């Protein structure tokens, strides 16, 4: 969820297994993300869907690396669509606000179908 708390509303069957929100305008700390990864880990693995914000990318990436050292199978996808930014040359880049929800549904449906993390 990162600094966008709305994603907590998408936790459920065929969608997200967890959402970790940070404080207002701040990414959640790696420790909180790691706690969520530990709580939902499974042999099939966990896919983290992360919006293209610097703090989210850093903290979710750190948590993923820590989880891997604990033997948790985890991967991360960065969603960077944003029709509000016409140029890819902007310093902050495309943020991935709306498209993230579509990625939640697609990944959730594939997980329900039994697809592997790699698929």
N, C-alpha and C. Protein backbone atom coordinates (compact mmCIF):
# COMPACT_ATOMS: atom_id res chain seq x y z
N UNK A 1 0.83 -1.19 0.00
CA UNK A 1 0.00 0.00 0.00
C UNK A 1 0.87 1.25 0.00
N UNK A 2 2.01 1.18 0.63
CA UNK A 2 2.88 2.35 0.67
C UNK A 2 2.22 3.52 1.35
N UNK A 3 2.40 4.71 0.80
CA UNK A 3 1.82 5.88 1.43
C UNK A 3 0.39 6.14 0.98
N UNK A 4 -0.16 5.27 0.16
CA UNK A 4 -1.55 5.38 -0.30
C UNK A 4 -2.39 4.36 0.47
N UNK A 5 -3.16 4.78 1.49
CA UNK A 5 -3.88 3.82 2.33
C UNK A 5 -5.07 3.14 1.66
N UNK A 6 -5.47 3.59 0.49
CA UNK A 6 -6.66 3.03 -0.17
C UNK A 6 -6.55 1.54 -0.43
N UNK A 7 -5.36 1.03 -0.57
CA UNK A 7 -5.20 -0.37 -0.98
C UNK A 7 -5.63 -1.36 0.10
N UNK A 8 -5.76 -0.92 1.32
CA UNK A 8 -6.30 -1.78 2.37
C UNK A 8 -7.70 -2.27 2.03
N UNK A 9 -8.42 -1.51 1.25
CA UNK A 9 -9.76 -1.88 0.83
C UNK A 9 -9.79 -2.97 -0.22
N UNK A 10 -8.64 -3.35 -0.73
CA UNK A 10 -8.55 -4.38 -1.76
C UNK A 10 -8.01 -5.70 -1.21
N UNK A 11 -7.92 -5.83 0.09
CA UNK A 11 -7.50 -7.08 0.71
C UNK A 11 -8.69 -8.02 0.73
N UNK A 12 -8.52 -9.20 0.16
CA UNK A 12 -9.61 -10.18 0.13
C UNK A 12 -9.38 -11.24 -0.91
N UNK A 13 -10.29 -12.17 -1.01
CA UNK A 13 -10.18 -13.30 -1.93
C UNK A 13 -10.02 -12.82 -3.37
N UNK A 14 -9.02 -13.35 -4.04
CA UNK A 14 -8.77 -13.00 -5.42
C UNK A 14 -8.13 -11.64 -5.61
N UNK A 15 -7.72 -11.03 -4.52
CA UNK A 15 -7.07 -9.71 -4.62
C UNK A 15 -5.80 -9.74 -3.76
N UNK A 16 -5.66 -8.82 -2.83
CA UNK A 16 -4.47 -8.73 -2.00
C UNK A 16 -4.58 -9.59 -0.75
N UNK A 17 -3.43 -10.08 -0.30
CA UNK A 17 -3.37 -10.81 0.97
C UNK A 17 -3.08 -9.86 2.13
N UNK A 18 -2.46 -8.73 1.83
CA UNK A 18 -2.12 -7.74 2.85
C UNK A 18 -1.89 -6.40 2.19
N UNK A 19 -1.98 -5.34 2.97
CA UNK A 19 -1.62 -3.99 2.53
C UNK A 19 -0.94 -3.32 3.72
N UNK A 20 0.18 -2.69 3.47
CA UNK A 20 0.94 -2.04 4.55
C UNK A 20 1.01 -0.55 4.24
N UNK A 21 0.38 0.25 5.06
CA UNK A 21 0.35 1.69 4.84
C UNK A 21 1.36 2.40 5.74
N UNK A 22 1.90 3.48 5.23
CA UNK A 22 2.78 4.31 6.03
C UNK A 22 2.01 5.48 6.61
N UNK A 23 2.73 6.37 7.25
CA UNK A 23 2.11 7.59 7.77
C UNK A 23 1.74 8.49 6.59
N UNK A 24 1.08 9.58 6.85
CA UNK A 24 0.66 10.49 5.79
C UNK A 24 1.89 10.94 4.98
N UNK A 25 1.82 10.76 3.69
CA UNK A 25 2.88 11.12 2.75
C UNK A 25 4.21 10.43 3.02
N UNK A 26 4.18 9.26 3.65
CA UNK A 26 5.41 8.53 3.93
C UNK A 26 5.22 7.05 3.66
N UNK A 27 6.23 6.44 3.12
CA UNK A 27 6.22 5.01 2.89
C UNK A 27 6.30 4.27 4.23
N UNK A 28 5.71 3.07 4.30
CA UNK A 28 5.86 2.30 5.54
C UNK A 28 7.32 1.88 5.72
N UNK A 29 7.75 1.73 6.96
CA UNK A 29 9.14 1.31 7.19
C UNK A 29 9.35 -0.15 6.78
N UNK A 30 10.58 -0.50 6.41
CA UNK A 30 10.86 -1.88 5.99
C UNK A 30 10.45 -2.92 7.03
N UNK A 31 10.56 -2.60 8.32
CA UNK A 31 10.19 -3.56 9.36
C UNK A 31 8.71 -3.92 9.32
N UNK A 32 7.86 -2.95 9.07
CA UNK A 32 6.42 -3.21 8.98
C UNK A 32 6.10 -4.05 7.74
N UNK A 33 6.78 -3.76 6.65
CA UNK A 33 6.58 -4.52 5.42
C UNK A 33 7.06 -5.96 5.61
N UNK A 34 8.21 -6.12 6.26
CA UNK A 34 8.74 -7.45 6.53
C UNK A 34 7.79 -8.24 7.42
N UNK A 35 7.20 -7.60 8.41
CA UNK A 35 6.23 -8.28 9.28
C UNK A 35 5.05 -8.80 8.48
N UNK A 36 4.58 -8.01 7.52
CA UNK A 36 3.48 -8.47 6.67
C UNK A 36 3.92 -9.64 5.80
N UNK A 37 5.12 -9.56 5.25
CA UNK A 37 5.63 -10.67 4.43
C UNK A 37 5.72 -11.96 5.24
N UNK A 38 6.18 -11.85 6.46
CA UNK A 38 6.26 -13.04 7.34
C UNK A 38 4.86 -13.61 7.59
N UNK A 39 3.88 -12.72 7.79
CA UNK A 39 2.52 -13.16 8.13
C UNK A 39 1.82 -13.85 6.98
N UNK A 40 2.13 -13.49 5.75
CA UNK A 40 1.41 -14.05 4.60
C UNK A 40 2.26 -14.98 3.74
N UNK A 41 3.50 -15.24 4.15
CA UNK A 41 4.39 -16.05 3.30
C UNK A 41 3.82 -17.45 3.11
N UNK A 42 4.09 -17.99 1.94
CA UNK A 42 3.66 -19.35 1.62
C UNK A 42 4.72 -19.97 0.71
N UNK A 43 4.73 -21.28 0.56
CA UNK A 43 5.69 -21.92 -0.34
C UNK A 43 5.57 -21.42 -1.78
N UNK A 44 4.37 -21.00 -2.18
CA UNK A 44 4.18 -20.51 -3.54
C UNK A 44 4.87 -19.17 -3.77
N UNK A 45 5.09 -18.41 -2.70
CA UNK A 45 5.75 -17.12 -2.82
C UNK A 45 4.78 -15.97 -2.68
N UNK A 46 5.35 -14.78 -2.58
CA UNK A 46 4.57 -13.55 -2.40
C UNK A 46 5.02 -12.53 -3.43
N UNK A 47 4.06 -11.92 -4.08
CA UNK A 47 4.34 -10.84 -5.02
C UNK A 47 3.97 -9.52 -4.37
N UNK A 48 4.93 -8.62 -4.28
CA UNK A 48 4.66 -7.28 -3.77
C UNK A 48 4.40 -6.37 -4.97
N UNK A 49 3.26 -5.69 -4.94
CA UNK A 49 2.89 -4.74 -6.00
C UNK A 49 3.14 -3.35 -5.43
N UNK A 50 4.08 -2.63 -6.02
CA UNK A 50 4.55 -1.37 -5.44
C UNK A 50 4.39 -0.24 -6.45
N UNK A 51 3.89 0.88 -5.98
CA UNK A 51 3.78 2.06 -6.83
C UNK A 51 5.15 2.70 -7.00
N UNK A 52 5.32 3.44 -8.09
CA UNK A 52 6.59 4.03 -8.46
C UNK A 52 6.87 5.33 -7.69
N UNK A 53 6.94 5.22 -6.38
CA UNK A 53 7.36 6.33 -5.53
C UNK A 53 8.70 5.94 -4.91
N UNK A 54 9.61 6.89 -4.82
CA UNK A 54 10.96 6.58 -4.34
C UNK A 54 10.95 5.87 -2.99
N UNK A 55 10.24 6.40 -2.00
CA UNK A 55 10.23 5.79 -0.67
C UNK A 55 9.64 4.40 -0.68
N UNK A 56 8.56 4.21 -1.44
CA UNK A 56 7.95 2.87 -1.54
C UNK A 56 8.92 1.90 -2.19
N UNK A 57 9.56 2.31 -3.27
CA UNK A 57 10.51 1.43 -3.96
C UNK A 57 11.64 1.04 -3.03
N UNK A 58 12.18 2.00 -2.30
CA UNK A 58 13.30 1.72 -1.40
C UNK A 58 12.88 0.80 -0.25
N UNK A 59 11.83 1.17 0.47
CA UNK A 59 11.46 0.42 1.67
C UNK A 59 10.91 -0.96 1.35
N UNK A 60 10.10 -1.09 0.31
CA UNK A 60 9.62 -2.42 -0.06
C UNK A 60 10.78 -3.27 -0.59
N UNK A 61 11.72 -2.64 -1.30
CA UNK A 61 12.90 -3.37 -1.79
C UNK A 61 13.77 -3.87 -0.65
N UNK A 62 14.00 -3.03 0.36
CA UNK A 62 14.77 -3.45 1.53
C UNK A 62 14.08 -4.60 2.24
N UNK A 63 12.77 -4.49 2.42
CA UNK A 63 12.02 -5.56 3.09
C UNK A 63 12.08 -6.86 2.29
N UNK A 64 12.02 -6.76 0.98
CA UNK A 64 12.10 -7.97 0.14
C UNK A 64 13.46 -8.64 0.30
N UNK A 65 14.51 -7.85 0.31
CA UNK A 65 15.86 -8.44 0.46
C UNK A 65 16.01 -9.09 1.84
N UNK A 66 15.49 -8.45 2.87
CA UNK A 66 15.55 -9.05 4.22
C UNK A 66 14.74 -10.35 4.26
N UNK A 67 13.57 -10.34 3.63
CA UNK A 67 12.72 -11.54 3.61
C UNK A 67 13.44 -12.69 2.91
N UNK A 68 14.12 -12.38 1.82
CA UNK A 68 14.85 -13.43 1.07
C UNK A 68 15.94 -14.05 1.94
N UNK A 69 16.60 -13.24 2.79
CA UNK A 69 17.64 -13.80 3.66
C UNK A 69 17.04 -14.73 4.71
N UNK A 70 15.73 -14.59 4.97
CA UNK A 70 15.03 -15.48 5.90
C UNK A 70 14.41 -16.68 5.20
N UNK A 71 14.63 -16.78 3.90
CA UNK A 71 14.10 -17.91 3.15
C UNK A 71 12.68 -17.71 2.64
N UNK A 72 12.18 -16.49 2.72
CA UNK A 72 10.84 -16.19 2.21
C UNK A 72 10.94 -15.92 0.71
N UNK A 73 10.13 -16.61 -0.05
CA UNK A 73 10.12 -16.43 -1.50
C UNK A 73 9.26 -15.20 -1.81
N UNK A 74 9.89 -14.18 -2.36
CA UNK A 74 9.20 -12.92 -2.62
C UNK A 74 9.75 -12.27 -3.89
N UNK A 75 8.87 -11.60 -4.60
CA UNK A 75 9.27 -10.83 -5.77
C UNK A 75 8.50 -9.52 -5.73
N UNK A 76 8.94 -8.55 -6.51
CA UNK A 76 8.33 -7.24 -6.49
C UNK A 76 8.13 -6.74 -7.91
N UNK A 77 6.97 -6.15 -8.16
CA UNK A 77 6.70 -5.50 -9.44
C UNK A 77 6.40 -4.03 -9.15
N UNK A 78 7.01 -3.15 -9.94
CA UNK A 78 6.79 -1.72 -9.80
C UNK A 78 5.78 -1.29 -10.85
N UNK A 79 4.71 -0.63 -10.42
CA UNK A 79 3.70 -0.13 -11.35
C UNK A 79 3.98 1.35 -11.58
N UNK A 80 4.22 1.71 -12.84
CA UNK A 80 4.61 3.07 -13.16
C UNK A 80 3.79 3.73 -14.23
N UNK A 81 2.51 3.37 -14.35
CA UNK A 81 1.67 4.08 -15.32
C UNK A 81 1.22 5.38 -14.68
N UNK A 82 1.00 6.37 -15.46
CA UNK A 82 0.41 7.60 -14.95
C UNK A 82 0.12 8.50 -16.13
N UNK A 83 -1.12 8.59 -16.51
CA UNK A 83 -1.48 9.40 -17.66
C UNK A 83 -1.37 10.89 -17.36
N UNK A 84 -1.24 11.26 -16.11
CA UNK A 84 -1.12 12.67 -15.75
C UNK A 84 0.26 13.24 -16.11
N UNK A 85 1.23 12.38 -16.29
CA UNK A 85 2.58 12.83 -16.65
C UNK A 85 2.86 12.42 -18.09
N UNK A 86 2.80 13.35 -19.02
CA UNK A 86 2.97 13.00 -20.42
C UNK A 86 4.40 12.62 -20.81
N UNK A 87 5.37 12.97 -20.03
CA UNK A 87 6.76 12.71 -20.37
C UNK A 87 7.39 11.72 -19.40
N UNK A 88 8.18 10.82 -19.91
CA UNK A 88 8.91 9.89 -19.05
C UNK A 88 10.20 10.55 -18.55
N UNK A 89 10.47 11.78 -18.95
CA UNK A 89 11.70 12.47 -18.56
C UNK A 89 11.53 13.30 -17.29
N UNK A 90 10.36 13.25 -16.67
CA UNK A 90 10.15 13.96 -15.42
C UNK A 90 11.01 13.32 -14.33
N UNK A 91 11.50 14.12 -13.40
CA UNK A 91 12.40 13.59 -12.38
C UNK A 91 11.74 12.56 -11.47
N UNK A 92 10.46 12.76 -11.13
CA UNK A 92 9.80 11.82 -10.23
C UNK A 92 9.29 10.58 -10.96
N UNK A 93 9.07 10.69 -12.24
CA UNK A 93 8.59 9.54 -13.01
C UNK A 93 7.11 9.28 -12.84
N UNK A 94 6.63 8.33 -13.58
CA UNK A 94 5.22 7.97 -13.53
C UNK A 94 4.95 7.20 -12.25
N UNK A 95 3.84 7.51 -11.59
CA UNK A 95 3.63 7.04 -10.23
C UNK A 95 2.84 5.75 -10.08
N UNK A 96 2.02 5.39 -11.02
CA UNK A 96 1.29 4.14 -10.91
C UNK A 96 0.14 4.15 -9.95
N UNK A 97 -0.72 5.14 -10.05
CA UNK A 97 -1.83 5.23 -9.10
C UNK A 97 -3.03 4.38 -9.53
N UNK A 98 -3.56 4.64 -10.69
CA UNK A 98 -4.78 3.94 -11.13
C UNK A 98 -4.49 2.51 -11.60
N UNK A 99 -3.44 2.33 -12.35
CA UNK A 99 -3.12 1.01 -12.89
C UNK A 99 -2.79 -0.02 -11.85
N UNK A 100 -2.40 0.43 -10.66
CA UNK A 100 -2.06 -0.50 -9.59
C UNK A 100 -3.25 -1.40 -9.24
N UNK A 101 -4.43 -0.84 -9.25
CA UNK A 101 -5.63 -1.63 -8.92
C UNK A 101 -5.85 -2.73 -9.95
N UNK A 102 -5.60 -2.44 -11.22
CA UNK A 102 -5.72 -3.48 -12.26
C UNK A 102 -4.69 -4.58 -12.05
N UNK A 103 -3.49 -4.19 -11.65
CA UNK A 103 -2.44 -5.19 -11.38
C UNK A 103 -2.84 -6.04 -10.18
N UNK A 104 -3.46 -5.44 -9.17
CA UNK A 104 -3.95 -6.21 -8.01
C UNK A 104 -4.90 -7.31 -8.50
N UNK A 105 -5.86 -6.94 -9.32
CA UNK A 105 -6.88 -7.89 -9.76
C UNK A 105 -6.28 -8.98 -10.65
N UNK A 106 -5.42 -8.60 -11.57
CA UNK A 106 -4.81 -9.58 -12.48
C UNK A 106 -3.94 -10.56 -11.70
N UNK A 107 -3.08 -10.03 -10.82
CA UNK A 107 -2.20 -10.90 -10.03
C UNK A 107 -3.01 -11.78 -9.08
N UNK A 108 -4.06 -11.20 -8.47
CA UNK A 108 -4.91 -11.97 -7.57
C UNK A 108 -5.63 -13.11 -8.29
N UNK A 109 -6.12 -12.84 -9.48
CA UNK A 109 -6.80 -13.87 -10.27
C UNK A 109 -5.83 -14.98 -10.67
N UNK A 110 -4.60 -14.61 -11.04
CA UNK A 110 -3.60 -15.62 -11.40
C UNK A 110 -3.23 -16.46 -10.20
N UNK A 111 -3.13 -15.84 -9.02
CA UNK A 111 -2.82 -16.59 -7.80
C UNK A 111 -3.95 -17.55 -7.46
N UNK A 112 -5.19 -17.11 -7.57
CA UNK A 112 -6.35 -17.97 -7.30
C UNK A 112 -6.38 -19.15 -8.27
N UNK A 113 -5.92 -18.91 -9.49
CA UNK A 113 -5.87 -19.95 -10.52
C UNK A 113 -4.76 -20.97 -10.24
N UNK A 114 -3.83 -20.61 -9.36
CA UNK A 114 -2.72 -21.50 -9.02
C UNK A 114 -1.45 -21.27 -9.79
N UNK A 115 -1.35 -20.14 -10.46
CA UNK A 115 -0.13 -19.84 -11.22
C UNK A 115 1.04 -19.61 -10.27
N UNK A 116 2.22 -19.87 -10.75
CA UNK A 116 3.43 -19.69 -9.93
C UNK A 116 3.79 -18.21 -9.84
N UNK A 117 4.65 -17.90 -8.91
CA UNK A 117 5.12 -16.52 -8.75
C UNK A 117 5.81 -16.04 -10.02
N UNK A 118 6.53 -16.91 -10.66
CA UNK A 118 7.25 -16.56 -11.88
C UNK A 118 6.29 -16.24 -13.04
N UNK A 119 5.12 -16.90 -13.04
CA UNK A 119 4.16 -16.65 -14.10
C UNK A 119 3.52 -15.28 -13.92
